Protein backbone atom coordinates (compact mmCIF):
# COMPACT_ATOMS: atom_id res chain seq x y z
CA MET A 1 11.10 -53.60 19.47
CA THR A 2 12.07 -57.21 18.73
CA GLN A 3 15.64 -58.12 19.53
CA ILE A 4 17.57 -59.98 16.81
CA LEU A 5 20.43 -62.22 17.90
CA LYS A 6 22.82 -63.74 15.35
CA LEU A 7 25.28 -66.43 16.42
CA LYS A 8 28.16 -67.88 14.44
CA SER A 9 29.92 -71.15 15.21
CA GLY A 10 33.30 -70.11 13.81
CA ASN A 11 32.88 -72.19 10.67
CA ALA A 12 34.76 -70.45 7.83
CA LEU A 13 31.86 -71.09 5.43
CA GLU A 14 29.61 -68.86 7.57
CA GLU A 15 31.86 -65.89 6.83
CA LYS A 16 32.55 -66.84 3.23
CA SER A 17 28.86 -67.34 2.42
CA SER A 18 27.61 -64.61 4.79
CA TYR A 19 25.19 -66.49 7.05
CA SER A 20 24.69 -67.20 10.73
CA ARG A 21 24.49 -70.58 12.46
CA LEU A 22 21.49 -69.27 14.37
CA VAL A 23 19.22 -66.26 14.18
CA ALA A 24 16.79 -65.51 16.99
CA ALA A 25 14.04 -62.97 16.44
CA GLY A 26 12.41 -62.51 19.81
CA ASP A 27 11.56 -66.02 21.00
CA TRP A 28 11.66 -67.55 17.52
CA ILE A 29 14.96 -69.31 16.80
CA PHE A 30 16.13 -70.48 13.39
CA VAL A 31 19.13 -72.82 13.20
CA SER A 32 20.80 -73.15 9.80
CA ASN A 33 21.19 -76.50 8.09
CA THR A 34 23.81 -78.17 10.30
CA ALA A 35 26.28 -80.93 9.40
CA GLY A 36 28.16 -83.34 11.61
CA ARG A 37 31.58 -81.67 11.62
CA ASN A 38 33.02 -81.33 15.10
CA PRO A 39 33.74 -77.59 15.51
CA GLU A 40 36.83 -78.15 17.68
CA THR A 41 38.56 -80.98 15.84
CA LYS A 42 37.07 -80.16 12.39
CA LEU A 43 36.62 -83.93 11.93
CA ILE A 44 33.53 -85.56 10.40
CA PRO A 45 32.58 -89.05 11.62
CA GLU A 46 32.71 -91.67 8.87
CA ASP A 47 29.38 -93.31 9.73
CA VAL A 48 25.91 -91.81 9.47
CA ALA A 49 25.09 -92.50 13.13
CA GLY A 50 28.20 -90.65 14.32
CA GLN A 51 27.43 -87.72 12.01
CA THR A 52 23.81 -87.58 13.17
CA ARG A 53 24.86 -87.46 16.83
CA GLU A 54 27.39 -84.72 16.04
CA VAL A 55 24.69 -82.76 14.20
CA PHE A 56 22.52 -82.86 17.32
CA ALA A 57 25.48 -81.79 19.50
CA ASN A 58 26.10 -78.83 17.16
CA ILE A 59 22.43 -77.81 17.13
CA SER A 60 22.21 -78.15 20.92
CA ARG A 61 25.26 -75.88 21.33
CA ALA A 62 23.74 -73.28 19.02
CA LEU A 63 20.38 -73.36 20.82
CA ALA A 64 22.08 -73.07 24.22
CA GLY A 65 23.80 -69.90 22.96
CA ALA A 66 20.33 -68.41 22.51
CA GLY A 67 19.01 -69.62 25.87
CA ALA A 68 17.08 -72.53 24.37
CA CYS A 69 17.32 -76.32 24.11
CA LEU A 70 16.31 -79.16 21.78
CA GLY A 71 13.04 -79.39 23.71
CA ASP A 72 12.10 -75.97 22.33
CA THR A 73 12.17 -77.30 18.73
CA VAL A 74 8.86 -76.91 16.93
CA SER A 75 9.94 -77.88 13.41
CA ALA A 76 12.80 -79.84 11.84
CA ARG A 77 14.04 -80.56 8.35
CA VAL A 78 16.29 -83.57 7.84
CA PHE A 79 18.42 -83.91 4.71
CA ILE A 80 19.95 -87.35 4.14
CA GLN A 81 22.46 -87.93 1.33
CA GLU A 82 21.64 -91.62 0.78
CA PRO A 83 18.02 -92.82 1.09
CA ALA A 84 19.28 -96.13 2.54
CA ASP A 85 20.57 -94.20 5.60
CA THR A 86 17.10 -92.87 6.45
CA PRO A 87 16.21 -95.56 9.05
CA ALA A 88 19.49 -95.06 10.95
CA VAL A 89 19.12 -91.27 10.99
CA MET A 90 15.47 -91.38 11.99
CA GLU A 91 16.17 -93.82 14.82
CA ILE A 92 18.51 -91.24 16.37
CA PHE A 93 16.09 -88.42 15.53
CA ALA A 94 13.36 -90.29 17.43
CA GLU A 95 15.71 -90.83 20.37
CA MET A 96 16.49 -87.09 20.53
CA PHE A 97 12.93 -85.83 19.99
CA ARG A 98 10.78 -88.44 21.76
CA GLY A 99 8.04 -86.49 23.53
CA ILE A 100 8.97 -83.25 21.76
CA ASP A 101 7.45 -84.36 18.45
CA PRO A 102 8.23 -81.37 16.20
CA ALA A 103 6.72 -80.93 12.75
CA LEU A 104 9.06 -82.76 10.37
CA THR A 105 10.23 -82.88 6.77
CA VAL A 106 12.66 -85.59 5.63
CA THR A 107 14.22 -85.50 2.17
CA CYS A 108 17.16 -87.08 0.36
CA PRO A 109 18.78 -84.45 -1.89
CA PRO A 110 22.45 -84.16 -2.75
CA LEU A 111 24.22 -82.30 0.07
CA GLY A 112 26.94 -79.65 -0.20
CA SER A 113 29.69 -82.26 0.10
CA THR A 114 29.80 -86.01 -0.32
CA ALA A 115 31.54 -86.14 3.08
CA TYR A 116 28.22 -85.17 4.70
CA LYS A 117 25.74 -87.99 5.17
CA VAL A 118 23.11 -85.96 7.02
CA GLU A 119 22.26 -82.33 7.75
CA ILE A 120 19.47 -81.03 9.99
CA GLU A 121 17.84 -77.61 10.28
CA VAL A 122 15.49 -76.67 13.13
CA THR A 123 13.12 -73.90 14.14
CA ALA A 124 12.55 -73.45 17.85
CA PHE A 125 10.45 -71.24 20.07
CA ARG A 126 12.23 -70.24 23.27
CA GLY A 127 10.34 -71.73 26.23
CA ALA A 128 8.28 -74.19 24.18
CA SER A 129 9.63 -77.04 26.31
CA ASN A 130 7.91 -75.47 29.32
CA GLY A 131 4.55 -74.93 27.64
CA ALA A 132 1.42 -77.03 27.79
CA GLN A 133 0.91 -79.40 24.87
CA LYS A 134 -2.36 -80.45 23.30
CA ILE A 135 -2.29 -83.50 21.08
CA THR A 136 -5.23 -84.07 18.73
CA LEU A 137 -5.43 -86.99 16.35
CA GLU A 138 -6.93 -86.29 12.94
CA GLY A 139 -9.20 -88.70 11.16
């Protein structure tokens, strides 16, 4: 029987909208779209770089709660409010995922609040950071 783990960050919207920050089904881990609001101070950095770093801190905390880490990420979806912010966000994304190289989707839709400049959602597989990698170039 597969164990299902659901973690909440304490964000009021999780209760109001009835969702979990993270759901782990066996070794598969799904982290909800995550914004850059500091869970302790409730503050959101003004700049996109600060928000992006806070997003990664929030995702890392959630993954740690399920016994995983950023290195276990196999897929990521990045949502950026303003297309002009894409290079700044992706520079930090590259810094965080260099050598991990998850599958990636980047898009620029309106986000749930204009206060949010970036949100990121990841799928991880517990232990992927310890596994052997095979890189094949197409073409």
